[in-house]
Amino acid sequence: MNERATLHSLVDALLADRHDLLTNYFAERGARLEALVWSPERTVCDCPQIAFLIDYWQNLRNGTDLPPVDSISPFGMKPALGHIVLIDMVDDGWDGVFRLYGTRVAETYGADMTGRRISEIDGGNYVSLFFRALYRAASLRRESLYTHHFPPPHVAVESWQRIMLPLCDAEGRVTRFLCSNIAGPWRPPHARTKLPSPAFTTA
């Protein structure tokens, strides 16, 4: 299956809530999709930064469908600073450009992705395709989304938790996402089943 066909199949699975297909997608690559929750509550996980951003986004909605892109402020997001990622949708939502890549996220990943595309994550591997599908589907559903996945055992970071909160332009189109990526513990080399990955390989 080529890249575009894989993207379409993942988006279709997300739109249809076919968690079995998504779980298999990860399992076939030695990884695990632990959770995928649409419109999550602040109690979806124990990460204070994610809980804060869910509350912040809900308050910005103020009874509307989605908050506008110009409603967010760095001064209002201090409890999550360093973990915040802003992504501008491009190619009709099939890809995204990192407008802001939090310093703590960059430290863990090993590179600042600001100005680069989602499709560039780890050379466009399986998780890059999955993330592109997530943002495309969330744009179409106009919903927030939480995910928690465990990479293959050779990857240095044990897990990633992610919140994706859509923002709209003046015409009501989803054009940006307010996100937070929280890394799990580092795995010592003896706990990995394959050759150690470079530290920046966290997908």
N, C-alpha and C. Protein backbone atom coordinates (compact mmCIF):
# COMPACT_ATOMS: atom_id res chain seq x y z
N MET A 1 0.85 -1.19 0.00
CA MET A 1 0.00 0.00 0.00
C MET A 1 0.89 1.25 0.00
N ASN A 2 0.64 2.19 -0.93
CA ASN A 2 1.47 3.39 -0.97
C ASN A 2 1.07 4.38 0.12
N GLU A 3 1.87 5.44 0.22
CA GLU A 3 1.69 6.40 1.32
C GLU A 3 0.29 7.00 1.34
N ARG A 4 -0.19 7.49 0.20
CA ARG A 4 -1.50 8.13 0.18
C ARG A 4 -2.61 7.14 0.50
N ALA A 5 -2.49 5.90 -0.01
CA ALA A 5 -3.50 4.89 0.29
C ALA A 5 -3.51 4.57 1.79
N THR A 6 -2.32 4.51 2.41
CA THR A 6 -2.24 4.27 3.85
C THR A 6 -2.88 5.41 4.63
N LEU A 7 -2.60 6.64 4.22
CA LEU A 7 -3.20 7.80 4.87
C LEU A 7 -4.72 7.75 4.79
N HIS A 8 -5.24 7.45 3.60
CA HIS A 8 -6.69 7.38 3.43
C HIS A 8 -7.30 6.29 4.32
N SER A 9 -6.64 5.16 4.40
CA SER A 9 -7.17 4.05 5.21
C SER A 9 -7.16 4.41 6.69
N LEU A 10 -6.12 5.13 7.14
CA LEU A 10 -6.06 5.54 8.54
C LEU A 10 -7.12 6.59 8.85
N VAL A 11 -7.30 7.55 7.95
CA VAL A 11 -8.33 8.57 8.16
C VAL A 11 -9.71 7.92 8.20
N ASP A 12 -9.97 7.00 7.29
CA ASP A 12 -11.26 6.31 7.27
C ASP A 12 -11.50 5.57 8.58
N ALA A 13 -10.44 4.92 9.10
CA ALA A 13 -10.56 4.20 10.36
C ALA A 13 -10.85 5.15 11.52
N LEU A 14 -10.21 6.31 11.51
CA LEU A 14 -10.43 7.30 12.57
C LEU A 14 -11.83 7.88 12.50
N LEU A 15 -12.31 8.16 11.30
CA LEU A 15 -13.66 8.72 11.15
C LEU A 15 -14.73 7.71 11.55
N ALA A 16 -14.44 6.43 11.34
CA ALA A 16 -15.41 5.38 11.65
C ALA A 16 -15.22 4.78 13.03
N ASP A 17 -14.26 5.33 13.80
CA ASP A 17 -13.95 4.80 15.14
C ASP A 17 -13.60 3.32 15.09
N ARG A 18 -12.84 2.91 14.07
CA ARG A 18 -12.38 1.54 13.95
C ARG A 18 -11.06 1.38 14.71
N HIS A 19 -11.17 1.31 16.02
CA HIS A 19 -9.98 1.20 16.86
C HIS A 19 -9.23 -0.10 16.61
N ASP A 20 -9.93 -1.13 16.18
CA ASP A 20 -9.26 -2.40 15.91
C ASP A 20 -8.25 -2.25 14.77
N LEU A 21 -8.63 -1.50 13.72
CA LEU A 21 -7.71 -1.30 12.60
C LEU A 21 -6.51 -0.46 13.02
N LEU A 22 -6.75 0.54 13.86
CA LEU A 22 -5.68 1.40 14.33
C LEU A 22 -4.73 0.63 15.25
N THR A 23 -5.30 -0.20 16.11
CA THR A 23 -4.48 -1.01 17.01
C THR A 23 -3.61 -1.97 16.21
N ASN A 24 -4.17 -2.56 15.18
CA ASN A 24 -3.41 -3.48 14.33
C ASN A 24 -2.29 -2.75 13.59
N TYR A 25 -2.55 -1.51 13.16
CA TYR A 25 -1.55 -0.72 12.46
C TYR A 25 -0.29 -0.58 13.31
N PHE A 26 -0.47 -0.32 14.60
CA PHE A 26 0.67 -0.20 15.50
C PHE A 26 1.29 -1.56 15.81
N ALA A 27 0.46 -2.54 16.08
CA ALA A 27 0.98 -3.86 16.45
C ALA A 27 1.84 -4.47 15.35
N GLU A 28 1.45 -4.24 14.11
CA GLU A 28 2.21 -4.78 12.98
C GLU A 28 3.60 -4.17 12.88
N ARG A 29 3.82 -3.07 13.59
CA ARG A 29 5.11 -2.38 13.55
C ARG A 29 5.82 -2.44 14.89
N GLY A 30 5.40 -3.35 15.74
CA GLY A 30 6.05 -3.55 17.02
C GLY A 30 5.77 -2.47 18.04
N ALA A 31 4.71 -1.69 17.80
CA ALA A 31 4.35 -0.60 18.71
C ALA A 31 2.96 -0.88 19.30
N ARG A 32 2.49 0.02 20.16
CA ARG A 32 1.18 -0.20 20.78
C ARG A 32 0.44 1.12 20.91
N LEU A 33 -0.79 1.14 20.44
CA LEU A 33 -1.68 2.28 20.64
C LEU A 33 -2.47 2.03 21.91
N GLU A 34 -2.12 2.75 22.95
CA GLU A 34 -2.73 2.53 24.26
C GLU A 34 -4.10 3.17 24.38
N ALA A 35 -4.25 4.38 23.84
CA ALA A 35 -5.53 5.09 23.98
C ALA A 35 -5.71 6.08 22.84
N LEU A 36 -6.96 6.22 22.42
CA LEU A 36 -7.36 7.23 21.45
C LEU A 36 -8.76 7.68 21.83
N VAL A 37 -8.87 8.93 22.29
CA VAL A 37 -10.13 9.42 22.87
C VAL A 37 -10.53 10.72 22.19
N TRP A 38 -11.70 10.73 21.56
CA TRP A 38 -12.24 11.94 20.97
C TRP A 38 -12.92 12.79 22.05
N SER A 39 -12.81 14.10 21.94
CA SER A 39 -13.41 15.04 22.89
C SER A 39 -13.11 14.64 24.33
N PRO A 40 -11.83 14.51 24.67
CA PRO A 40 -11.48 14.03 26.02
C PRO A 40 -11.80 15.04 27.11
N GLU A 41 -12.09 14.50 28.29
CA GLU A 41 -12.22 15.33 29.49
C GLU A 41 -10.84 15.55 30.07
N ARG A 42 -10.73 16.50 30.98
CA ARG A 42 -9.42 16.83 31.59
C ARG A 42 -8.86 15.65 32.38
N THR A 43 -9.71 14.70 32.75
CA THR A 43 -9.27 13.54 33.53
C THR A 43 -8.80 12.38 32.65
N VAL A 44 -8.63 12.61 31.34
CA VAL A 44 -8.27 11.54 30.41
C VAL A 44 -6.91 10.94 30.76
N CYS A 45 -6.03 11.74 31.40
CA CYS A 45 -4.71 11.23 31.79
C CYS A 45 -4.25 12.01 33.01
N ASP A 46 -3.07 11.65 33.50
CA ASP A 46 -2.57 12.30 34.71
C ASP A 46 -1.53 13.38 34.42
N CYS A 47 -1.48 13.88 33.19
CA CYS A 47 -0.53 14.94 32.82
C CYS A 47 -1.15 16.31 33.12
N PRO A 48 -0.59 17.08 34.04
CA PRO A 48 -1.19 18.38 34.37
C PRO A 48 -1.21 19.35 33.20
N GLN A 49 -0.19 19.27 32.32
CA GLN A 49 -0.16 20.18 31.17
C GLN A 49 -1.33 19.90 30.22
N ILE A 50 -1.63 18.62 30.00
CA ILE A 50 -2.74 18.26 29.13
C ILE A 50 -4.07 18.66 29.75
N ALA A 51 -4.23 18.39 31.05
CA ALA A 51 -5.46 18.78 31.74
C ALA A 51 -5.67 20.29 31.66
N PHE A 52 -4.59 21.06 31.88
CA PHE A 52 -4.69 22.51 31.81
C PHE A 52 -5.12 22.98 30.42
N LEU A 53 -4.51 22.43 29.36
CA LEU A 53 -4.83 22.87 28.01
C LEU A 53 -6.25 22.51 27.60
N ILE A 54 -6.75 21.36 28.05
CA ILE A 54 -8.14 21.01 27.77
C ILE A 54 -9.07 22.05 28.40
N ASP A 55 -8.81 22.42 29.66
CA ASP A 55 -9.63 23.45 30.32
C ASP A 55 -9.50 24.79 29.59
N TYR A 56 -8.28 25.13 29.24
CA TYR A 56 -8.02 26.41 28.56
C TYR A 56 -8.78 26.48 27.25
N TRP A 57 -8.72 25.43 26.47
CA TRP A 57 -9.40 25.38 25.17
C TRP A 57 -10.91 25.43 25.34
N GLN A 58 -11.42 24.69 26.33
CA GLN A 58 -12.87 24.70 26.58
C GLN A 58 -13.34 26.09 26.97
N ASN A 59 -12.55 26.79 27.76
CA ASN A 59 -12.93 28.16 28.16
C ASN A 59 -12.92 29.10 26.96
N LEU A 60 -11.97 28.90 26.05
CA LEU A 60 -11.91 29.75 24.85
C LEU A 60 -13.11 29.51 23.93
N ARG A 61 -13.68 28.33 23.97
CA ARG A 61 -14.85 28.05 23.12
C ARG A 61 -16.01 28.95 23.50
N ASN A 62 -16.19 29.14 24.79
CA ASN A 62 -17.20 30.08 25.29
C ASN A 62 -18.56 29.85 24.64
N GLY A 63 -18.93 28.57 24.55
CA GLY A 63 -20.23 28.23 23.99
C GLY A 63 -20.26 28.12 22.49
N THR A 64 -19.14 28.36 21.82
CA THR A 64 -19.08 28.26 20.37
C THR A 64 -18.55 26.89 19.96
N ASP A 65 -18.54 26.64 18.66
CA ASP A 65 -18.07 25.37 18.12
C ASP A 65 -16.59 25.18 18.43
N LEU A 66 -15.75 26.07 17.90
CA LEU A 66 -14.31 25.99 18.09
C LEU A 66 -13.75 27.39 18.37
N PRO A 67 -12.67 27.48 19.16
CA PRO A 67 -12.06 28.79 19.39
C PRO A 67 -11.37 29.30 18.14
N PRO A 68 -11.33 30.62 17.94
CA PRO A 68 -10.59 31.17 16.80
C PRO A 68 -9.09 31.12 17.04
N VAL A 69 -8.33 31.11 15.95
CA VAL A 69 -6.88 30.97 16.06
C VAL A 69 -6.25 32.12 16.84
N ASP A 70 -6.86 33.31 16.78
CA ASP A 70 -6.26 34.47 17.45
C ASP A 70 -6.70 34.61 18.91
N SER A 71 -7.39 33.61 19.44
CA SER A 71 -7.86 33.71 20.82
C SER A 71 -6.84 33.19 21.83
N ILE A 72 -5.84 32.45 21.38
CA ILE A 72 -4.86 31.90 22.32
C ILE A 72 -3.77 32.92 22.60
N SER A 73 -3.22 32.84 23.79
CA SER A 73 -2.17 33.77 24.20
C SER A 73 -1.12 33.03 25.01
N PRO A 74 0.16 33.28 24.76
CA PRO A 74 1.20 32.63 25.56
C PRO A 74 1.09 32.97 27.04
N PHE A 75 0.59 34.15 27.35
CA PHE A 75 0.44 34.56 28.74
C PHE A 75 -0.62 33.74 29.46
N GLY A 76 -1.59 33.23 28.68
CA GLY A 76 -2.64 32.43 29.29
C GLY A 76 -2.31 30.96 29.38
N MET A 77 -1.17 30.57 28.82
CA MET A 77 -0.82 29.15 28.78
C MET A 77 0.46 28.83 29.56
N LYS A 78 0.81 29.68 30.51
CA LYS A 78 2.07 29.52 31.24
C LYS A 78 2.25 28.13 31.87
N PRO A 79 1.20 27.51 32.45
CA PRO A 79 1.41 26.20 33.06
C PRO A 79 1.86 25.11 32.08
N ALA A 80 1.67 25.35 30.78
CA ALA A 80 2.04 24.33 29.79
C ALA A 80 3.19 24.76 28.90
N LEU A 81 3.75 25.95 29.14
CA LEU A 81 4.83 26.43 28.28
C LEU A 81 6.01 25.46 28.30
N GLY A 82 6.60 25.29 27.14
CA GLY A 82 7.68 24.30 26.97
C GLY A 82 7.17 23.01 26.40
N HIS A 83 5.89 22.71 26.65
CA HIS A 83 5.27 21.49 26.14
C HIS A 83 4.28 21.79 25.02
N ILE A 84 4.16 23.07 24.63
CA ILE A 84 3.14 23.45 23.65
C ILE A 84 3.68 23.33 22.23
N VAL A 85 2.84 22.80 21.35
CA VAL A 85 3.14 22.70 19.93
C VAL A 85 1.97 23.32 19.17
N LEU A 86 2.27 24.22 18.23
CA LEU A 86 1.24 24.79 17.36
C LEU A 86 1.49 24.30 15.94
N ILE A 87 0.45 23.80 15.30
CA ILE A 87 0.57 23.24 13.96
C ILE A 87 -0.42 23.90 13.02
N ASP A 88 0.08 24.44 11.90
CA ASP A 88 -0.78 25.01 10.86
C ASP A 88 -1.06 23.94 9.82
N MET A 89 -2.34 23.75 9.49
CA MET A 89 -2.72 22.76 8.50
C MET A 89 -2.36 23.22 7.09
N VAL A 90 -1.82 22.32 6.30
CA VAL A 90 -1.51 22.60 4.89
C VAL A 90 -2.00 21.42 4.05
N ASP A 91 -2.01 21.61 2.74
CA ASP A 91 -2.43 20.55 1.82
C ASP A 91 -3.81 20.00 2.17
N ASP A 92 -4.73 20.92 2.47
CA ASP A 92 -6.12 20.54 2.78
C ASP A 92 -6.18 19.62 3.99
N GLY A 93 -5.26 19.80 4.93
CA GLY A 93 -5.27 19.02 6.16
C GLY A 93 -4.54 17.70 6.07
N TRP A 94 -3.92 17.40 4.94
CA TRP A 94 -3.18 16.14 4.80
C TRP A 94 -1.77 16.24 5.38
N ASP A 95 -1.35 17.43 5.74
CA ASP A 95 -0.04 17.62 6.36
C ASP A 95 -0.14 18.87 7.22
N GLY A 96 0.91 19.14 7.97
CA GLY A 96 0.92 20.32 8.81
C GLY A 96 2.33 20.84 8.98
N VAL A 97 2.43 22.13 9.26
CA VAL A 97 3.72 22.78 9.51
C VAL A 97 3.78 23.20 10.98
N PHE A 98 4.88 22.89 11.63
CA PHE A 98 5.04 23.26 13.04
C PHE A 98 5.32 24.75 13.14
N ARG A 99 4.34 25.49 13.62
CA ARG A 99 4.48 26.92 13.81
C ARG A 99 5.29 27.21 15.08
N LEU A 100 5.11 26.36 16.07
CA LEU A 100 5.85 26.45 17.34
C LEU A 100 6.10 25.04 17.84
N TYR A 101 7.32 24.80 18.28
CA TYR A 101 7.68 23.49 18.80
C TYR A 101 8.30 23.72 20.19
N GLY A 102 7.56 23.34 21.22
CA GLY A 102 7.97 23.64 22.59
C GLY A 102 9.38 23.19 22.93
N THR A 103 10.06 23.96 23.77
CA THR A 103 11.45 23.67 24.10
C THR A 103 11.61 22.31 24.79
N ARG A 104 10.68 21.96 25.66
CA ARG A 104 10.78 20.66 26.34
C ARG A 104 10.55 19.51 25.37
N VAL A 105 9.64 19.71 24.42
CA VAL A 105 9.39 18.69 23.40
C VAL A 105 10.62 18.53 22.52
N ALA A 106 11.21 19.66 22.13
CA ALA A 106 12.40 19.64 21.28
C ALA A 106 13.57 18.96 21.98
N GLU A 107 13.71 19.20 23.28
CA GLU A 107 14.79 18.57 24.05
C GLU A 107 14.66 17.05 24.04
N THR A 108 13.44 16.58 24.20
CA THR A 108 13.22 15.13 24.21
C THR A 108 13.39 14.54 22.83
N TYR A 109 12.82 15.20 21.83
CA TYR A 109 12.90 14.70 20.46
C TYR A 109 14.31 14.81 19.90
N GLY A 110 15.05 15.82 20.36
CA GLY A 110 16.42 16.00 19.91
C GLY A 110 16.56 16.95 18.75
N ALA A 111 15.46 17.63 18.37
CA ALA A 111 15.51 18.59 17.27
C ALA A 111 14.32 19.54 17.39
N ASP A 112 14.55 20.78 16.97
CA ASP A 112 13.47 21.75 16.92
C ASP A 112 12.80 21.65 15.56
N MET A 113 11.53 21.25 15.55
CA MET A 113 10.82 21.04 14.29
C MET A 113 10.10 22.29 13.80
N THR A 114 10.30 23.42 14.45
CA THR A 114 9.64 24.65 14.02
C THR A 114 9.93 24.93 12.54
N GLY A 115 8.87 25.17 11.78
CA GLY A 115 9.00 25.45 10.36
C GLY A 115 9.03 24.21 9.49
N ARG A 116 9.09 23.03 10.09
CA ARG A 116 9.12 21.79 9.33
C ARG A 116 7.75 21.11 9.35
N ARG A 117 7.60 20.07 8.55
CA ARG A 117 6.30 19.42 8.39
C ARG A 117 6.17 18.16 9.24
N ILE A 118 4.91 17.80 9.50
CA ILE A 118 4.64 16.53 10.19
C ILE A 118 5.21 15.37 9.38
N SER A 119 5.13 15.47 8.07
CA SER A 119 5.62 14.40 7.20
C SER A 119 7.13 14.21 7.28
N GLU A 120 7.84 15.14 7.94
CA GLU A 120 9.28 15.00 8.11
C GLU A 120 9.66 14.28 9.40
N ILE A 121 8.70 14.01 10.27
CA ILE A 121 9.00 13.33 11.52
C ILE A 121 9.61 11.97 11.25
N ASP A 122 10.79 11.74 11.79
CA ASP A 122 11.48 10.45 11.66
C ASP A 122 11.46 9.92 10.23
N GLY A 123 11.71 10.83 9.28
CA GLY A 123 11.82 10.41 7.88
C GLY A 123 10.51 9.96 7.27
N GLY A 124 9.39 10.39 7.85
CA GLY A 124 8.09 10.01 7.29
C GLY A 124 7.72 8.57 7.58
N ASN A 125 8.09 8.07 8.76
CA ASN A 125 7.83 6.66 9.08
C ASN A 125 6.35 6.43 9.46
N TYR A 126 6.06 5.26 10.03
CA TYR A 126 4.68 4.87 10.30
C TYR A 126 3.95 5.85 11.21
N VAL A 127 4.67 6.38 12.22
CA VAL A 127 4.00 7.27 13.16
C VAL A 127 3.78 8.65 12.55
N SER A 128 4.64 9.07 11.64
CA SER A 128 4.41 10.32 10.91
C SER A 128 3.13 10.22 10.09
N LEU A 129 2.93 9.10 9.42
CA LEU A 129 1.69 8.90 8.66
C LEU A 129 0.48 8.90 9.60
N PHE A 130 0.62 8.27 10.74
CA PHE A 130 -0.48 8.21 11.69
C PHE A 130 -0.83 9.61 12.19
N PHE A 131 0.18 10.43 12.51
CA PHE A 131 -0.09 11.78 12.98
C PHE A 131 -0.78 12.61 11.91
N ARG A 132 -0.34 12.48 10.66
CA ARG A 132 -0.99 13.21 9.57
C ARG A 132 -2.46 12.81 9.46
N ALA A 133 -2.73 11.52 9.62
CA ALA A 133 -4.11 11.04 9.59
C ALA A 133 -4.91 11.60 10.76
N LEU A 134 -4.28 11.68 11.95
CA LEU A 134 -4.97 12.22 13.12
C LEU A 134 -5.45 13.65 12.88
N TYR A 135 -4.56 14.49 12.38
CA TYR A 135 -4.93 15.89 12.19
C TYR A 135 -5.95 16.07 11.07
N ARG A 136 -5.83 15.27 10.02
CA ARG A 136 -6.82 15.33 8.95
C ARG A 136 -8.20 14.93 9.49
N ALA A 137 -8.25 13.83 10.23
CA ALA A 137 -9.53 13.36 10.77
C ALA A 137 -10.10 14.34 11.79
N ALA A 138 -9.24 14.87 12.66
CA ALA A 138 -9.71 15.83 13.66
C ALA A 138 -10.22 17.10 13.00
N SER A 139 -9.62 17.49 11.88
CA SER A 139 -10.11 18.66 11.14
C SER A 139 -11.50 18.40 10.59
N LEU A 140 -11.70 17.19 10.05
CA LEU A 140 -13.00 16.85 9.49
C LEU A 140 -14.07 16.68 10.57
N ARG A 141 -13.69 16.07 11.69
CA ARG A 141 -14.64 15.86 12.78
C ARG A 141 -14.84 17.11 13.63
N ARG A 142 -13.89 18.05 13.54
CA ARG A 142 -13.94 19.28 14.33
C ARG A 142 -14.01 18.95 15.81
N GLU A 143 -13.15 18.01 16.21
CA GLU A 143 -13.11 17.56 17.60
C GLU A 143 -11.69 17.56 18.13
N SER A 144 -11.58 17.70 19.44
CA SER A 144 -10.30 17.52 20.09
C SER A 144 -10.00 16.02 20.20
N LEU A 145 -8.74 15.70 20.41
CA LEU A 145 -8.34 14.29 20.39
C LEU A 145 -7.14 14.07 21.30
N TYR A 146 -7.19 12.98 22.05
CA TYR A 146 -6.07 12.57 22.92
C TYR A 146 -5.58 11.21 22.47
N THR A 147 -4.25 11.04 22.39
CA THR A 147 -3.69 9.72 22.07
C THR A 147 -2.54 9.41 23.02
N HIS A 148 -2.32 8.13 23.21
CA HIS A 148 -1.21 7.64 24.03
C HIS A 148 -0.68 6.40 23.33
N HIS A 149 0.59 6.45 22.89
CA HIS A 149 1.14 5.28 22.20
C HIS A 149 2.53 4.94 22.72
N PHE A 150 2.86 3.66 22.59
CA PHE A 150 4.16 3.12 22.99
C PHE A 150 4.91 2.71 21.74
N PRO A 151 6.07 3.35 21.47
CA PRO A 151 6.86 3.00 20.29
C PRO A 151 7.45 1.59 20.41
N PRO A 152 8.07 1.10 19.34
CA PRO A 152 8.74 -0.20 19.40
C PRO A 152 9.81 -0.22 20.49
N PRO A 153 10.17 -1.40 20.99
CA PRO A 153 11.09 -1.51 22.13
C PRO A 153 12.47 -0.91 21.92
N HIS A 154 12.92 -0.76 20.66
CA HIS A 154 14.26 -0.22 20.46
C HIS A 154 14.32 1.29 20.59
N VAL A 155 13.16 1.95 20.68
CA VAL A 155 13.11 3.41 20.77
C VAL A 155 13.39 3.85 22.20
N ALA A 156 14.13 4.94 22.33
CA ALA A 156 14.63 5.36 23.65
C ALA A 156 13.55 5.86 24.59
N VAL A 157 12.49 6.48 24.06
CA VAL A 157 11.41 6.99 24.91
C VAL A 157 10.30 5.95 24.99
N GLU A 158 9.85 5.69 26.21
CA GLU A 158 8.89 4.60 26.43
C GLU A 158 7.52 4.87 25.81
N SER A 159 7.06 6.14 25.88
CA SER A 159 5.71 6.44 25.39
C SER A 159 5.57 7.92 25.10
N TRP A 160 4.49 8.25 24.38
CA TRP A 160 4.13 9.64 24.11
C TRP A 160 2.64 9.81 24.35
N GLN A 161 2.28 10.87 25.09
CA GLN A 161 0.89 11.27 25.22
C GLN A 161 0.72 12.61 24.51
N ARG A 162 -0.42 12.78 23.87
CA ARG A 162 -0.61 13.94 22.99
C ARG A 162 -2.07 14.43 23.05
N ILE A 163 -2.22 15.75 23.15
CA ILE A 163 -3.55 16.35 23.05
C ILE A 163 -3.56 17.25 21.82
N MET A 164 -4.64 17.19 21.04
CA MET A 164 -4.79 17.98 19.82
C MET A 164 -6.09 18.76 19.91
N LEU A 165 -5.98 20.08 19.91
CA LEU A 165 -7.13 20.95 20.13
C LEU A 165 -7.30 21.87 18.91
N PRO A 166 -8.35 21.69 18.11
CA PRO A 166 -8.51 22.46 16.87
C PRO A 166 -8.90 23.92 17.11
N LEU A 167 -8.36 24.78 16.23
CA LEU A 167 -8.69 26.21 16.22
C LEU A 167 -9.16 26.58 14.82
N CYS A 168 -10.04 27.55 14.70
CA CYS A 168 -10.61 27.87 13.38
C CYS A 168 -10.30 29.31 12.97
N ASP A 169 -10.36 29.54 11.66
CA ASP A 169 -10.16 30.88 11.13
C ASP A 169 -11.49 31.64 11.11
N ALA A 170 -11.49 32.83 10.52
CA ALA A 170 -12.70 33.67 10.52
C ALA A 170 -13.85 33.04 9.77
N GLU A 171 -13.54 32.13 8.83
CA GLU A 171 -14.59 31.45 8.07
C GLU A 171 -15.04 30.15 8.73
N GLY A 172 -14.46 29.84 9.90
CA GLY A 172 -14.86 28.63 10.61
C GLY A 172 -14.11 27.38 10.21
N ARG A 173 -13.09 27.51 9.35
CA ARG A 173 -12.31 26.35 8.93
C ARG A 173 -11.23 26.03 9.95
N VAL A 174 -11.01 24.75 10.20
CA VAL A 174 -9.93 24.34 11.10
C VAL A 174 -8.61 24.56 10.38
N THR A 175 -7.82 25.49 10.88
CA THR A 175 -6.56 25.84 10.23
C THR A 175 -5.34 25.65 11.12
N ARG A 176 -5.56 25.46 12.41
CA ARG A 176 -4.44 25.32 13.34
C ARG A 176 -4.84 24.41 14.50
N PHE A 177 -3.84 23.77 15.08
CA PHE A 177 -4.06 22.95 16.27
C PHE A 177 -3.15 23.42 17.39
N LEU A 178 -3.74 23.53 18.58
CA LEU A 178 -3.00 23.75 19.81
C LEU A 178 -2.76 22.37 20.42
N CYS A 179 -1.51 22.01 20.61
CA CYS A 179 -1.18 20.64 21.04
C CYS A 179 -0.21 20.65 22.21
N SER A 180 -0.10 19.50 22.83
CA SER A 180 0.95 19.27 23.82
C SER A 180 1.40 17.82 23.69
N ASN A 181 2.71 17.63 23.66
CA ASN A 181 3.30 16.29 23.58
C ASN A 181 4.07 16.03 24.86
N ILE A 182 3.72 14.96 25.55
CA ILE A 182 4.36 14.62 26.82
C ILE A 182 5.04 13.26 26.69
N ALA A 183 6.34 13.24 26.87
CA ALA A 183 7.11 12.00 26.74
C ALA A 183 7.08 11.21 28.04
N GLY A 184 7.09 9.89 27.91
CA GLY A 184 7.23 9.01 29.05
C GLY A 184 8.69 8.88 29.45
N PRO A 185 9.00 7.94 30.33
CA PRO A 185 10.38 7.78 30.79
C PRO A 185 11.31 7.31 29.69
N TRP A 186 12.61 7.61 29.86
CA TRP A 186 13.63 7.05 28.98
C TRP A 186 13.85 5.60 29.33
N ARG A 187 14.10 4.78 28.32
CA ARG A 187 14.38 3.38 28.55
C ARG A 187 15.89 3.15 28.55
N PRO A 188 16.43 2.50 29.57
CA PRO A 188 17.86 2.20 29.54
C PRO A 188 18.18 1.21 28.42
N PRO A 189 19.39 1.26 27.89
CA PRO A 189 19.74 0.39 26.75
C PRO A 189 19.45 -1.08 26.99
N HIS A 190 19.67 -1.57 28.22
CA HIS A 190 19.47 -3.01 28.48
C HIS A 190 18.01 -3.42 28.42
N ALA A 191 17.10 -2.41 28.45
CA ALA A 191 15.67 -2.73 28.41
C ALA A 191 15.14 -2.80 26.98
N ARG A 192 15.97 -2.47 26.01
CA ARG A 192 15.53 -2.48 24.62
C ARG A 192 15.90 -3.80 23.97
N THR A 193 15.06 -4.26 23.09
CA THR A 193 15.26 -5.58 22.50
C THR A 193 16.04 -5.55 21.20
N LYS A 194 16.31 -4.34 20.70
CA LYS A 194 17.08 -4.22 19.47
C LYS A 194 18.24 -3.26 19.72
N LEU A 195 18.99 -2.97 18.69
CA LEU A 195 20.07 -2.01 18.84
C LEU A 195 19.49 -0.66 19.26
N PRO A 196 20.18 0.02 20.19
CA PRO A 196 19.66 1.31 20.65
C PRO A 196 19.49 2.30 19.50
N SER A 197 18.38 3.04 19.56
CA SER A 197 18.15 4.10 18.57
C SER A 197 18.88 5.34 19.02
N PRO A 198 19.12 6.28 18.10
CA PRO A 198 19.60 7.59 18.52
C PRO A 198 18.57 8.22 19.45
N ALA A 199 19.03 9.10 20.31
CA ALA A 199 18.13 9.70 21.28
C ALA A 199 16.96 10.42 20.63
N PHE A 200 17.19 10.97 19.42
CA PHE A 200 16.13 11.76 18.80
C PHE A 200 15.05 10.88 18.20
N THR A 201 15.28 9.58 18.09
CA THR A 201 14.25 8.72 17.49
C THR A 201 13.23 8.36 18.56
N THR A 202 12.15 9.12 18.60
CA THR A 202 11.17 8.96 19.66
C THR A 202 9.80 8.57 19.16
N ALA A 203 9.67 8.26 17.88
CA ALA A 203 8.35 7.97 17.32
C ALA A 203 7.92 6.56 17.63
